[in-house]
Every structure is written in structure tokens, then in C-alpha cells.
PDB file of N, CA and C in Angstrom:
ATOM      1  N   MET A   1       0.690  -0.995   0.235  1.00  0.00           N
ATOM      2  CA  MET A   1       0.199   0.153  -0.010  1.00  0.00           C
ATOM      3  C   MET A   1       0.794   1.415   0.168  1.00  0.00           C
ATOM      4  N   ASN A   2       1.841   1.362   0.507  1.00  0.00           N
ATOM      5  CA  ASN A   2       3.024   2.727   0.887  1.00  0.00           C
ATOM      6  C   ASN A   2       3.422   2.873  -0.760  1.00  0.00           C
ATOM      7  N   ALA A   3       3.238   1.801  -1.497  1.00  0.00           N
ATOM      8  CA  ALA A   3       4.264   1.908  -2.597  1.00  0.00           C
ATOM      9  C   ALA A   3       3.283   2.695  -3.505  1.00  0.00           C
ATOM     10  N   VAL A   4       1.994   2.196  -3.685  1.00  0.00           N
ATOM     11  CA  VAL A   4       0.561   3.050  -3.969  1.00  0.00           C
ATOM     12  C   VAL A   4       0.677   4.545  -3.657  1.00  0.00           C
ATOM     13  N   ARG A   5       0.601   4.519  -2.401  1.00  0.00           N
ATOM     14  CA  ARG A   5       0.704   6.421  -1.884  1.00  0.00           C
ATOM     15  C   ARG A   5       1.975   6.699  -2.252  1.00  0.00           C
ATOM     16  N   SER A   6       2.891   6.152  -2.886  1.00  0.00           N
ATOM     17  CA  SER A   6       4.177   6.915  -3.016  1.00  0.00           C
ATOM     18  C   SER A   6       4.261   7.514  -4.713  1.00  0.00           C
ATOM     19  N   ARG A   7       3.593   6.399  -5.335  1.00  0.00           N
ATOM     20  CA  ARG A   7       3.515   6.676  -6.845  1.00  0.00           C
ATOM     21  C   ARG A   7       2.536   7.979  -6.902  1.00  0.00           C
ATOM     22  N   PHE A   8       1.139   7.693  -5.803  1.00  0.00           N
ATOM     23  CA  PHE A   8       0.242   9.074  -6.344  1.00  0.00           C
ATOM     24  C   PHE A   8       0.930  10.262  -5.843  1.00  0.00           C
ATOM     25  N   ALA A   9       1.912  10.117  -5.003  1.00  0.00           N
ATOM     26  CA  ALA A   9       2.204  11.392  -4.281  1.00  0.00           C
ATOM     27  C   ALA A   9       3.649  11.998  -5.493  1.00  0.00           C
ATOM     28  N   VAL A  10       4.028  11.108  -6.359  1.00  0.00           N
ATOM     29  CA  VAL A  10       5.094  11.650  -7.031  1.00  0.00           C
ATOM     30  C   VAL A  10       3.870  11.895  -8.408  1.00  0.00           C
ATOM     31  N   SER A  11       2.890  10.954  -8.367  1.00  0.00           N
ATOM     32  CA  SER A  11       2.456  11.450  -9.549  1.00  0.00           C
ATOM     33  C   SER A  11       1.804  12.724 -10.090  1.00  0.00           C
ATOM     34  N   ALA A  12       1.312  13.250  -8.458  1.00  0.00           N
ATOM     35  CA  ALA A  12       0.294  14.951  -7.691  1.00  0.00           C
ATOM     36  C   ALA A  12       1.561  15.458  -8.250  1.00  0.00           C
ATOM     37  N   ALA A  13       2.677  14.939  -7.701  1.00  0.00           N
ATOM     38  CA  ALA A  13       3.787  16.370  -7.215  1.00  0.00           C
ATOM     39  C   ALA A  13       4.018  16.650  -9.139  1.00  0.00           C
ATOM     40  N   VAL A  14       4.433  15.813 -10.108  1.00  0.00           N
ATOM     41  CA  VAL A  14       4.609  15.883 -11.490  1.00  0.00           C
ATOM     42  C   VAL A  14       3.378  17.311 -11.698  1.00  0.00           C
ATOM     43  N   ALA A  15       2.540  16.157 -12.149  1.00  0.00           N
ATOM     44  CA  ALA A  15       1.107  16.991 -12.645  1.00  0.00           C
ATOM     45  C   ALA A  15       1.040  18.340 -11.951  1.00  0.00           C
ATOM     46  N   GLY A  16       1.133  18.833 -10.621  1.00  0.00           N
ATOM     47  CA  GLY A  16       1.373  20.169  -9.993  1.00  0.00           C
ATOM     48  C   GLY A  16       1.966  21.015 -10.894  1.00  0.00           C
ATOM     49  N   ALA A  17       3.041  20.889 -10.889  1.00  0.00           N
ATOM     50  CA  ALA A  17       4.760  20.900 -11.519  1.00  0.00           C
ATOM     51  C   ALA A  17       4.128  21.542 -12.965  1.00  0.00           C
ATOM     52  N   PHE A  18       3.612  20.328 -13.561  1.00  0.00           N
ATOM     53  CA  PHE A  18       3.119  20.961 -14.644  1.00  0.00           C
ATOM     54  C   PHE A  18       2.346  21.774 -15.025  1.00  0.00           C
ATOM     55  N   MET A  19       1.511  21.702 -14.793  1.00  0.00           N
ATOM     56  CA  MET A  19       0.645  23.071 -14.342  1.00  0.00           C
ATOM     57  C   MET A  19       0.932  24.180 -13.964  1.00  0.00           C
ATOM     58  N   MET A  20       1.743  24.130 -12.965  1.00  0.00           N
ATOM     59  CA  MET A  20       2.595  25.283 -13.179  1.00  0.00           C
ATOM     60  C   MET A  20       3.102  26.484 -14.285  1.00  0.00           C
ATOM     61  N   VAL A  21       4.303  24.853 -14.583  1.00  0.00           N
ATOM     62  CA  VAL A  21       4.708  25.657 -16.228  1.00  0.00           C
ATOM     63  C   VAL A  21       3.772  25.951 -17.238  1.00  0.00           C
ATOM     64  N   LEU A  22       2.431  25.177 -17.615  1.00  0.00           N
ATOM     65  CA  LEU A  22       1.343  26.010 -18.165  1.00  0.00           C
ATOM     66  C   LEU A  22       1.140  27.244 -17.468  1.00  0.00           C
ATOM     67  N   GLY A  23       0.640  27.540 -16.034  1.00  0.00           N
ATOM     68  CA  GLY A  23       0.169  28.613 -15.969  1.00  0.00           C
ATOM     69  C   GLY A  23       1.149  29.866 -16.565  1.00  0.00           C
ATOM     70  N   SER A  24       2.804  29.672 -16.371  1.00  0.00           N
ATOM     71  CA  SER A  24       3.384  30.645 -16.255  1.00  0.00           C
ATOM     72  C   SER A  24       3.606  31.126 -17.553  1.00  0.00           C
ATOM     73  N   ALA A  25       3.838  30.481 -18.115  1.00  0.00           N
ATOM     74  CA  ALA A  25       3.629  30.723 -19.936  1.00  0.00           C
ATOM     75  C   ALA A  25       2.540  31.134 -20.221  1.00  0.00           C
ATOM     76  N   SER A  26       1.528  30.860 -20.294  1.00  0.00           N
ATOM     77  CA  SER A  26       0.399  31.452 -20.730  1.00  0.00           C
ATOM     78  C   SER A  26       0.814  32.994 -20.281  1.00  0.00           C
ATOM     79  N   GLN A  27       0.570  33.137 -18.537  1.00  0.00           N
ATOM     80  CA  GLN A  27       0.705  34.551 -18.173  1.00  0.00           C
ATOM     81  C   GLN A  27       1.946  35.199 -18.549  1.00  0.00           C
ATOM     82  N   ALA A  28       3.410  34.347 -19.098  1.00  0.00           N
ATOM     83  CA  ALA A  28       4.256  34.999 -19.796  1.00  0.00           C
ATOM     84  C   ALA A  28       3.806  35.338 -21.236  1.00  0.00           C
ATOM     85  N   SER A  29       3.258  34.852 -22.554  1.00  0.00           N
ATOM     86  CA  SER A  29       2.819  35.188 -23.101  1.00  0.00           C
ATOM     87  C   SER A  29       1.867  36.811 -23.204  1.00  0.00           C
ATOM     88  N   ALA A  30       0.751  35.933 -22.400  1.00  0.00           N
ATOM     89  CA  ALA A  30      -0.041  37.782 -22.340  1.00  0.00           C
ATOM     90  C   ALA A  30       0.691  39.165 -22.386  1.00  0.00           C
ATOM     91  N   ALA A  31       1.601  38.789 -21.295  1.00  0.00           N
ATOM     92  CA  ALA A  31       2.305  39.776 -21.056  1.00  0.00           C
ATOM     93  C   ALA A  31       3.192  39.785 -21.819  1.00  0.00           C
ATOM     94  N   THR A  32       3.401  39.534 -23.124  1.00  0.00           N
ATOM     95  CA  THR A  32       4.790  40.512 -24.231  1.00  0.00           C
ATOM     96  C   THR A  32       3.328  40.808 -25.059  1.00  0.00           C
ATOM     97  N   VAL A  33       2.357  41.031 -25.012  1.00  0.00           N
ATOM     98  CA  VAL A  33       1.606  41.614 -26.065  1.00  0.00           C
ATOM     99  C   VAL A  33       1.178  43.342 -25.751  1.00  0.00           C
ATOM    100  N   TYR A  34       1.985  44.022 -26.912  1.00  0.00           N
ATOM    101  CA  TYR A  34       1.547  45.570 -26.478  1.00  0.00           C
ATOM    102  C   TYR A  34       0.595  46.286 -27.348  1.00  0.00           C
ATOM    103  N   PRO A  35      -0.051  46.903 -27.063  1.00  0.00           N
ATOM    104  CA  PRO A  35      -0.771  48.071 -27.961  1.00  0.00           C
ATOM    105  C   PRO A  35       0.356  48.827 -29.016  1.00  0.00           C
ATOM    106  N   ILE A  36      -0.037  49.246 -29.994  1.00  0.00           N
ATOM    107  CA  ILE A  36       0.995  50.308 -30.880  1.00  0.00           C
ATOM    108  C   ILE A  36      -0.099  51.806 -30.211  1.00  0.00           C
ATOM    109  N   ALA A  37       0.609  52.741 -30.499  1.00  0.00           N
ATOM    110  CA  ALA A  37      -0.046  54.234 -30.449  1.00  0.00           C
ATOM    111  C   ALA A  37      -0.690  54.518 -30.948  1.00  0.00           C
ATOM    112  N   PRO A  38      -2.248  54.677 -30.409  1.00  0.00           N
ATOM    113  CA  PRO A  38      -3.546  54.730 -31.064  1.00  0.00           C
ATOM    114  C   PRO A  38      -3.165  55.951 -31.550  1.00  0.00           C
ATOM    115  N   GLY A  39      -4.347  55.888 -32.806  1.00  0.00           N
ATOM    116  CA  GLY A  39      -3.609  56.903 -34.338  1.00  0.00           C
ATOM    117  C   GLY A  39      -2.381  56.448 -35.204  1.00  0.00           C
ATOM    118  N   TYR A  40      -1.818  55.864 -35.060  1.00  0.00           N
ATOM    119  CA  TYR A  40      -0.708  55.486 -35.881  1.00  0.00           C
ATOM    120  C   TYR A  40      -0.136  54.042 -36.611  1.00  0.00           C
ATOM    121  N   GLN A  41       0.206  54.783 -37.696  1.00  0.00           N
ATOM    122  CA  GLN A  41       0.847  53.086 -38.365  1.00  0.00           C
ATOM    123  C   GLN A  41       2.205  53.132 -38.494  1.00  0.00           C
ATOM    124  N   VAL A  42       2.408  51.800 -38.167  1.00  0.00           N
ATOM    125  CA  VAL A  42       3.808  52.163 -37.876  1.00  0.00           C
ATOM    126  C   VAL A  42       4.526  50.772 -38.822  1.00  0.00           C
ATOM    127  N   ASN A  43       5.590  51.729 -39.299  1.00  0.00           N
ATOM    128  CA  ASN A  43       6.259  50.878 -40.298  1.00  0.00           C
ATOM    129  C   ASN A  43       6.797  49.596 -39.599  1.00  0.00           C
ATOM    130  N   VAL A  44       6.730  48.363 -40.296  1.00  0.00           N
ATOM    131  CA  VAL A  44       7.783  47.078 -39.988  1.00  0.00           C
ATOM    132  C   VAL A  44       8.869  47.118 -40.462  1.00  0.00           C
ATOM    133  N   ARG A  45      10.069  47.053 -40.260  1.00  0.00           N
ATOM    134  CA  ARG A  45      11.200  47.108 -40.908  1.00  0.00           C
ATOM    135  C   ARG A  45      12.067  45.487 -40.659  1.00  0.00           C
ATOM    136  N   SER A  46      12.774  45.404 -41.328  1.00  0.00           N
ATOM    137  CA  SER A  46      13.597  44.493 -41.977  1.00  0.00           C
ATOM    138  C   SER A  46      14.696  44.282 -41.237  1.00  0.00           C
ATOM    139  N   GLY A  47      14.944  44.846 -40.038  1.00  0.00           N
ATOM    140  CA  GLY A  47      16.458  44.662 -38.902  1.00  0.00           C
ATOM    141  C   GLY A  47      15.680  46.094 -38.584  1.00  0.00           C
ATOM    142  N   PRO A  48      16.643  46.552 -37.358  1.00  0.00           N
ATOM    143  CA  PRO A  48      16.691  47.162 -35.817  1.00  0.00           C
ATOM    144  C   PRO A  48      16.539  48.949 -36.460  1.00  0.00           C
ATOM    145  N   GLY A  49      16.417  49.236 -37.460  1.00  0.00           N
ATOM    146  CA  GLY A  49      17.109  50.813 -37.702  1.00  0.00           C
ATOM    147  C   GLY A  49      15.669  50.974 -38.976  1.00  0.00           C
ATOM    148  N   THR A  50      16.099  52.626 -39.457  1.00  0.00           N
ATOM    149  CA  THR A  50      15.275  53.212 -40.332  1.00  0.00           C
ATOM    150  C   THR A  50      15.996  53.151 -41.425  1.00  0.00           C
ATOM    151  N   ASN A  51      16.766  52.573 -41.817  1.00  0.00           N
ATOM    152  CA  ASN A  51      17.969  52.350 -42.932  1.00  0.00           C
ATOM    153  C   ASN A  51      17.432  51.073 -43.411  1.00  0.00           C
ATOM    154  N   TYR A  52      16.860  50.018 -42.746  1.00  0.00           N
ATOM    155  CA  TYR A  52      16.013  48.622 -43.321  1.00  0.00           C
ATOM    156  C   TYR A  52      14.965  48.833 -43.828  1.00  0.00           C
ATOM    157  N   ALA A  53      14.908  48.089 -44.975  1.00  0.00           N
ATOM    158  CA  ALA A  53      13.466  48.068 -45.584  1.00  0.00           C
ATOM    159  C   ALA A  53      12.240  48.040 -44.973  1.00  0.00           C
ATOM    160  N   VAL A  54      11.312  48.697 -45.584  1.00  0.00           N
ATOM    161  CA  VAL A  54       9.319  48.520 -44.616  1.00  0.00           C
ATOM    162  C   VAL A  54       9.220  47.307 -45.065  1.00  0.00           C
ATOM    163  N   VAL A  55       8.978  46.037 -44.725  1.00  0.00           N
ATOM    164  CA  VAL A  55       7.959  44.659 -45.032  1.00  0.00           C
ATOM    165  C   VAL A  55       6.962  44.545 -44.765  1.00  0.00           C
ATOM    166  N   ARG A  56       6.235  45.514 -44.218  1.00  0.00           N
ATOM    167  CA  ARG A  56       4.655  46.045 -44.038  1.00  0.00           C
ATOM    168  C   ARG A  56       4.246  46.965 -42.937  1.00  0.00           C
ATOM    169  N   VAL A  57       3.393  47.305 -42.604  1.00  0.00           N
ATOM    170  CA  VAL A  57       3.458  48.582 -41.984  1.00  0.00           C
ATOM    171  C   VAL A  57       1.872  48.312 -41.488  1.00  0.00           C
ATOM    172  N   LEU A  58       1.767  48.614 -39.732  1.00  0.00           N
ATOM    173  CA  LEU A  58       0.622  47.613 -39.227  1.00  0.00           C
ATOM    174  C   LEU A  58      -0.315  49.141 -38.784  1.00  0.00           C
ATOM    175  N   THR A  59      -1.493  48.994 -38.586  1.00  0.00           N
ATOM    176  CA  THR A  59      -2.448  49.731 -38.623  1.00  0.00           C
ATOM    177  C   THR A  59      -2.718  50.341 -37.672  1.00  0.00           C
ATOM    178  N   PRO A  60      -3.749  51.677 -37.438  1.00  0.00           N
ATOM    179  CA  PRO A  60      -3.782  51.709 -35.957  1.00  0.00           C
ATOM    180  C   PRO A  60      -4.460  50.739 -35.173  1.00  0.00           C
ATOM    181  N   GLY A  61      -4.513  51.190 -33.800  1.00  0.00           N
ATOM    182  CA  GLY A  61      -4.861  49.860 -33.175  1.00  0.00           C
ATOM    183  C   GLY A  61      -4.706  48.423 -32.780  1.00  0.00           C
ATOM    184  N   SER A  62      -2.831  47.970 -34.061  1.00  0.00           N
ATOM    185  CA  SER A  62      -2.771  46.797 -33.424  1.00  0.00           C
ATOM    186  C   SER A  62      -1.847  46.885 -32.298  1.00  0.00           C
ATOM    187  N   GLN A  63      -1.550  45.499 -32.174  1.00  0.00           N
ATOM    188  CA  GLN A  63      -0.867  44.870 -31.147  1.00  0.00           C
ATOM    189  C   GLN A  63       0.098  44.252 -31.537  1.00  0.00           C
ATOM    190  N   VAL A  64       1.149  43.849 -30.421  1.00  0.00           N
ATOM    191  CA  VAL A  64       2.337  42.639 -31.423  1.00  0.00           C
ATOM    192  C   VAL A  64       2.950  42.428 -29.775  1.00  0.00           C
ATOM    193  N   ARG A  65       3.789  41.714 -30.015  1.00  0.00           N
ATOM    194  CA  ARG A  65       4.110  40.260 -29.228  1.00  0.00           C
ATOM    195  C   ARG A  65       5.635  40.674 -29.348  1.00  0.00           C
ATOM    196  N   ILE A  66       5.867  40.720 -28.492  1.00  0.00           N
ATOM    197  CA  ILE A  66       7.592  41.125 -28.787  1.00  0.00           C
ATOM    198  C   ILE A  66       8.108  40.066 -28.052  1.00  0.00           C
ATOM    199  N   TYR A  67       9.018  39.301 -29.122  1.00  0.00           N
ATOM    200  CA  TYR A  67       9.698  38.299 -28.818  1.00  0.00           C
ATOM    201  C   TYR A  67      11.240  38.443 -28.382  1.00  0.00           C
ATOM    202  N   CYS A  68      12.268  39.537 -28.862  1.00  0.00           N
ATOM    203  CA  CYS A  68      12.913  40.149 -27.967  1.00  0.00           C
ATOM    204  C   CYS A  68      13.418  41.614 -28.864  1.00  0.00           C
ATOM    205  N   GLN A  69      14.216  42.113 -28.026  1.00  0.00           N
ATOM    206  CA  GLN A  69      14.454  43.544 -28.338  1.00  0.00           C
ATOM    207  C   GLN A  69      15.826  43.590 -28.990  1.00  0.00           C
ATOM    208  N   THR A  70      16.647  45.019 -29.444  1.00  0.00           N
ATOM    209  CA  THR A  70      17.612  44.977 -29.967  1.00  0.00           C
ATOM    210  C   THR A  70      18.178  46.477 -30.270  1.00  0.00           C
ATOM    211  N   THR A  71      18.986  47.170 -29.661  1.00  0.00           N
ATOM    212  CA  THR A  71      19.682  48.213 -30.145  1.00  0.00           C
ATOM    213  C   THR A  71      19.449  48.611 -31.814  1.00  0.00           C
ATOM    214  N   GLY A  72      19.200  49.677 -32.092  1.00  0.00           N
ATOM    215  CA  GLY A  72      18.930  50.488 -33.279  1.00  0.00           C
ATOM    216  C   GLY A  72      19.577  51.740 -33.282  1.00  0.00           C
ATOM    217  N   THR A  73      18.534  52.160 -34.663  1.00  0.00           N
ATOM    218  CA  THR A  73      18.845  54.051 -34.638  1.00  0.00           C
ATOM    219  C   THR A  73      17.899  54.427 -33.805  1.00  0.00           C
ATOM    220  N   ARG A  74      18.034  56.043 -33.722  1.00  0.00           N
ATOM    221  CA  ARG A  74      17.098  56.279 -32.606  1.00  0.00           C
ATOM    222  C   ARG A  74      16.262  57.121 -32.983  1.00  0.00           C
ATOM    223  N   GLU A  75      14.859  56.594 -32.734  1.00  0.00           N
ATOM    224  CA  GLU A  75      13.258  57.392 -33.180  1.00  0.00           C
ATOM    225  C   GLU A  75      12.660  57.649 -32.183  1.00  0.00           C
ATOM    226  N   THR A  76      12.484  58.887 -32.985  1.00  0.00           N
ATOM    227  CA  THR A  76      11.290  59.874 -31.288  1.00  0.00           C
ATOM    228  C   THR A  76       9.953  59.134 -32.171  1.00  0.00           C
ATOM    229  N   GLY A  77       8.836  58.989 -31.218  1.00  0.00           N
ATOM    230  CA  GLY A  77       7.479  58.591 -31.322  1.00  0.00           C
ATOM    231  C   GLY A  77       6.719  58.879 -30.163  1.00  0.00           C
ATOM    232  N   PRO A  78       5.433  58.532 -30.193  1.00  0.00           N
ATOM    233  CA  PRO A  78       4.435  58.900 -28.602  1.00  0.00           C
ATOM    234  C   PRO A  78       4.958  59.053 -27.681  1.00  0.00           C
ATOM    235  N   TYR A  79       5.590  57.600 -27.642  1.00  0.00           N
ATOM    236  CA  TYR A  79       6.090  57.460 -26.321  1.00  0.00           C
ATOM    237  C   TYR A  79       7.784  57.573 -25.871  1.00  0.00           C
ATOM    238  N   GLY A  80       8.156  58.708 -26.367  1.00  0.00           N
ATOM    239  CA  GLY A  80       9.749  59.087 -26.739  1.00  0.00           C
ATOM    240  C   GLY A  80      10.411  58.991 -27.506  1.00  0.00           C
ATOM    241  N   THR A  81      11.998  58.935 -27.135  1.00  0.00           N
ATOM    242  CA  THR A  81      12.763  58.501 -27.828  1.00  0.00           C
ATOM    243  C   THR A  81      13.628  57.737 -27.589  1.00  0.00           C
ATOM    244  N   SER A  82      14.206  56.639 -28.393  1.00  0.00           N
ATOM    245  CA  SER A  82      14.260  55.295 -27.777  1.00  0.00           C
ATOM    246  C   SER A  82      14.918  54.487 -28.978  1.00  0.00           C
ATOM    247  N   THR A  83      16.134  53.933 -28.774  1.00  0.00           N
ATOM    248  CA  THR A  83      17.296  53.138 -30.011  1.00  0.00           C
ATOM    249  C   THR A  83      16.836  51.979 -29.810  1.00  0.00           C
ATOM    250  N   ILE A  84      15.745  51.415 -28.831  1.00  0.00           N
ATOM    251  CA  ILE A  84      14.946  49.989 -28.227  1.00  0.00           C
ATOM    252  C   ILE A  84      14.523  50.384 -29.894  1.00  0.00           C
ATOM    253  N   TRP A  85      14.850  48.509 -30.054  1.00  0.00           N
ATOM    254  CA  TRP A  85      13.591  47.899 -31.562  1.00  0.00           C
ATOM    255  C   TRP A  85      13.462  46.550 -30.920  1.00  0.00           C
ATOM    256  N   ASP A  86      12.232  46.809 -31.206  1.00  0.00           N
ATOM    257  CA  ASP A  86      11.743  45.498 -30.709  1.00  0.00           C
ATOM    258  C   ASP A  86      10.918  44.689 -32.208  1.00  0.00           C
ATOM    259  N   ASN A  87      11.311  42.964 -31.759  1.00  0.00           N
ATOM    260  CA  ASN A  87      11.559  42.183 -32.690  1.00  0.00           C
ATOM    261  C   ASN A  87       9.841  41.471 -32.339  1.00  0.00           C
ATOM    262  N   ILE A  88       9.047  42.340 -33.256  1.00  0.00           N
ATOM    263  CA  ILE A  88       7.951  41.589 -33.529  1.00  0.00           C
ATOM    264  C   ILE A  88       7.315  39.843 -34.069  1.00  0.00           C
ATOM    265  N   ALA A  89       8.312  39.220 -35.414  1.00  0.00           N
ATOM    266  CA  ALA A  89       8.509  38.338 -35.743  1.00  0.00           C
ATOM    267  C   ALA A  89       9.367  37.905 -36.352  1.00  0.00           C
ATOM    268  N   SER A  90      10.104  36.596 -36.994  1.00  0.00           N
ATOM    269  CA  SER A  90      11.225  37.155 -37.986  1.00  0.00           C
ATOM    270  C   SER A  90      11.178  37.557 -39.151  1.00  0.00           C
ATOM    271  N   GLY A  91      12.640  38.610 -38.616  1.00  0.00           N
ATOM    272  CA  GLY A  91      12.884  39.766 -39.412  1.00  0.00           C
ATOM    273  C   GLY A  91      12.398  40.764 -39.619  1.00  0.00           C
ATOM    274  N   GLN A  92      11.770  41.344 -38.482  1.00  0.00           N
ATOM    275  CA  GLN A  92      10.399  42.418 -38.353  1.00  0.00           C
ATOM    276  C   GLN A  92      10.272  42.999 -37.322  1.00  0.00           C
ATOM    277  N   TYR A  93      11.040  44.479 -37.809  1.00  0.00           N
ATOM    278  CA  TYR A  93      11.414  45.417 -36.061  1.00  0.00           C
ATOM    279  C   TYR A  93      10.518  46.508 -36.263  1.00  0.00           C
ATOM    280  N   VAL A  94       9.874  46.542 -34.932  1.00  0.00           N
ATOM    281  CA  VAL A  94       9.550  47.933 -34.858  1.00  0.00           C
ATOM    282  C   VAL A  94      10.145  48.977 -33.616  1.00  0.00           C
ATOM    283  N   SER A  95      10.257  50.539 -34.231  1.00  0.00           N
ATOM    284  CA  SER A  95      10.344  51.353 -32.872  1.00  0.00           C
ATOM    285  C   SER A  95       9.723  50.887 -31.204  1.00  0.00           C
ATOM    286  N   ASP A  96      10.176  50.919 -30.838  1.00  0.00           N
ATOM    287  CA  ASP A  96       9.816  50.376 -28.965  1.00  0.00           C
ATOM    288  C   ASP A  96       9.239  51.834 -28.983  1.00  0.00           C
ATOM    289  N   ALA A  97       9.232  53.187 -29.340  1.00  0.00           N
ATOM    290  CA  ALA A  97       9.079  54.547 -29.560  1.00  0.00           C
ATOM    291  C   ALA A  97       7.808  54.671 -29.738  1.00  0.00           C
ATOM    292  N   TYR A  98       7.306  53.251 -31.104  1.00  0.00           N
ATOM    293  CA  TYR A  98       5.917  53.484 -30.755  1.00  0.00           C
ATOM    294  C   TYR A  98       4.788  52.034 -30.436  1.00  0.00           C
ATOM    295  N   VAL A  99       5.084  51.695 -29.636  1.00  0.00           N
ATOM    296  CA  VAL A  99       5.077  50.891 -29.048  1.00  0.00           C
ATOM    297  C   VAL A  99       4.331  50.803 -26.888  1.00  0.00           C
ATOM    298  N   HIS A 100       3.453  50.804 -27.038  1.00  0.00           N
ATOM    299  CA  HIS A 100       3.293  51.263 -25.308  1.00  0.00           C
ATOM    300  C   HIS A 100       3.622  49.828 -24.697  1.00  0.00           C
ATOM    301  N   THR A 101       4.567  49.895 -23.994  1.00  0.00           N
ATOM    302  CA  THR A 101       5.455  48.752 -23.179  1.00  0.00           C
ATOM    303  C   THR A 101       5.281  49.070 -21.781  1.00  0.00           C
ATOM    304  N   GLY A 102       4.817  50.444 -21.358  1.00  0.00           N
ATOM    305  CA  GLY A 102       4.973  51.018 -19.358  1.00  0.00           C
ATOM    306  C   GLY A 102       6.401  50.789 -19.561  1.00  0.00           C
ATOM    307  N   SER A 103       7.465  50.960 -20.294  1.00  0.00           N
ATOM    308  CA  SER A 103       8.569  51.134 -19.662  1.00  0.00           C
ATOM    309  C   SER A 103       9.675  51.673 -20.554  1.00  0.00           C
ATOM    310  N   ASP A 104      10.660  52.576 -20.541  1.00  0.00           N
ATOM    311  CA  ASP A 104      11.854  53.285 -21.708  1.00  0.00           C
ATOM    312  C   ASP A 104      12.777  52.320 -21.274  1.00  0.00           C
ATOM    313  N   GLY A 105      12.868  51.297 -20.752  1.00  0.00           N
ATOM    314  CA  GLY A 105      13.644  50.333 -20.734  1.00  0.00           C
ATOM    315  C   GLY A 105      13.131  49.240 -21.606  1.00  0.00           C
ATOM    316  N   TYR A 106      14.021  47.348 -21.347  1.00  0.00           N
ATOM    317  CA  TYR A 106      13.721  46.661 -22.168  1.00  0.00           C
ATOM    318  C   TYR A 106      12.698  45.960 -21.295  1.00  0.00           C
ATOM    319  N   VAL A 107      11.544  45.068 -22.025  1.00  0.00           N
ATOM    320  CA  VAL A 107      10.808  44.361 -21.373  1.00  0.00           C
ATOM    321  C   VAL A 107      10.941  43.236 -22.134  1.00  0.00           C
ATOM    322  N   ALA A 108      11.266  42.819 -22.756  1.00  0.00           N
ATOM    323  CA  ALA A 108      11.912  41.383 -23.495  1.00  0.00           C
ATOM    324  C   ALA A 108      13.586  41.216 -23.466  1.00  0.00           C
ATOM    325  N   SER A 109      13.764  40.161 -23.394  1.00  0.00           N
ATOM    326  CA  SER A 109      15.377  39.436 -23.661  1.00  0.00           C
ATOM    327  C   SER A 109      15.795  40.473 -24.796  1.00  0.00           C
ATOM    328  N   PRO A 110      17.198  40.099 -24.237  1.00  0.00           N
ATOM    329  CA  PRO A 110      18.126  41.112 -25.745  1.00  0.00           C
ATOM    330  C   PRO A 110      17.824  39.803 -27.037  1.00  0.00           C
ATOM    331  N   CYS A 111      17.715  40.633 -27.983  1.00  0.00           N
ATOM    332  CA  CYS A 111      17.972  39.642 -29.499  1.00  0.00           C
ATOM    333  C   CYS A 111      18.996  39.129 -29.560  1.00  0.00           C
ATOM    334  N   ALA A 112      19.672  37.495 -29.859  1.00  0.00           N
ATOM    335  CA  ALA A 112      20.550  36.886 -29.977  1.00  0.00           C
ATOM    336  C   ALA A 112      21.725  37.690 -30.914  1.00  0.00           C
TER     337      ALA A 112
END
């Protein structure tokens, strides 16, 4: 009977840990979506700077998920002046000066 209890305790502990990881992952994902400044169309560029090609344009009211952040050209927007650029998809960057992150600094890991 002790072996059964022991297996049950281990299974419960593993299940609990799994649920904690899932909960943390979903909370982290929710925390990485940020709105673009209201009323602005924002250029999405192929790299972290205004010297990179525009690959698409975000419409007013868009939201972005920030995967990582890096330093690029200085840009002034509704949220100040910044050299931080947000990676929102593979090969797609927007100036952090147009994204409402609630911070003047990094809110995501540095891009590799």
C-alpha cells in the first residue's frame, strides 16, 4: 500500500509542477502583447533601424507580441525617443517609441 501512495504522491507532484509551468507560460505570453500608439500607422522594418526596408505597415489599433529587443537607430515617437527596437516576428522590427510597453527600458530578452 505504501508503494501505491508513493506513486500517487509522485504523480500528483509531477502534475502540479506541469500545471505551474503551463500557467507561467500562458501568463508570460499574455504579458508580451503590447498596443501600438493609438492613431499611428507604424512601419515594420526588416532590421532594427530606419535604414532597413519597410516590410509591412501596422494599422492603428494593432497589437504586437515582442519576442526580443535590440539596439538600433534612434527614433522619436509618441512614447519618447528610443534606440530600442522590438522584434515582432522573424525579420520584423518596430521602434519601441511607438509601442506602449509602460517602460523606457527593455521589457523582453535581448535578441541573440
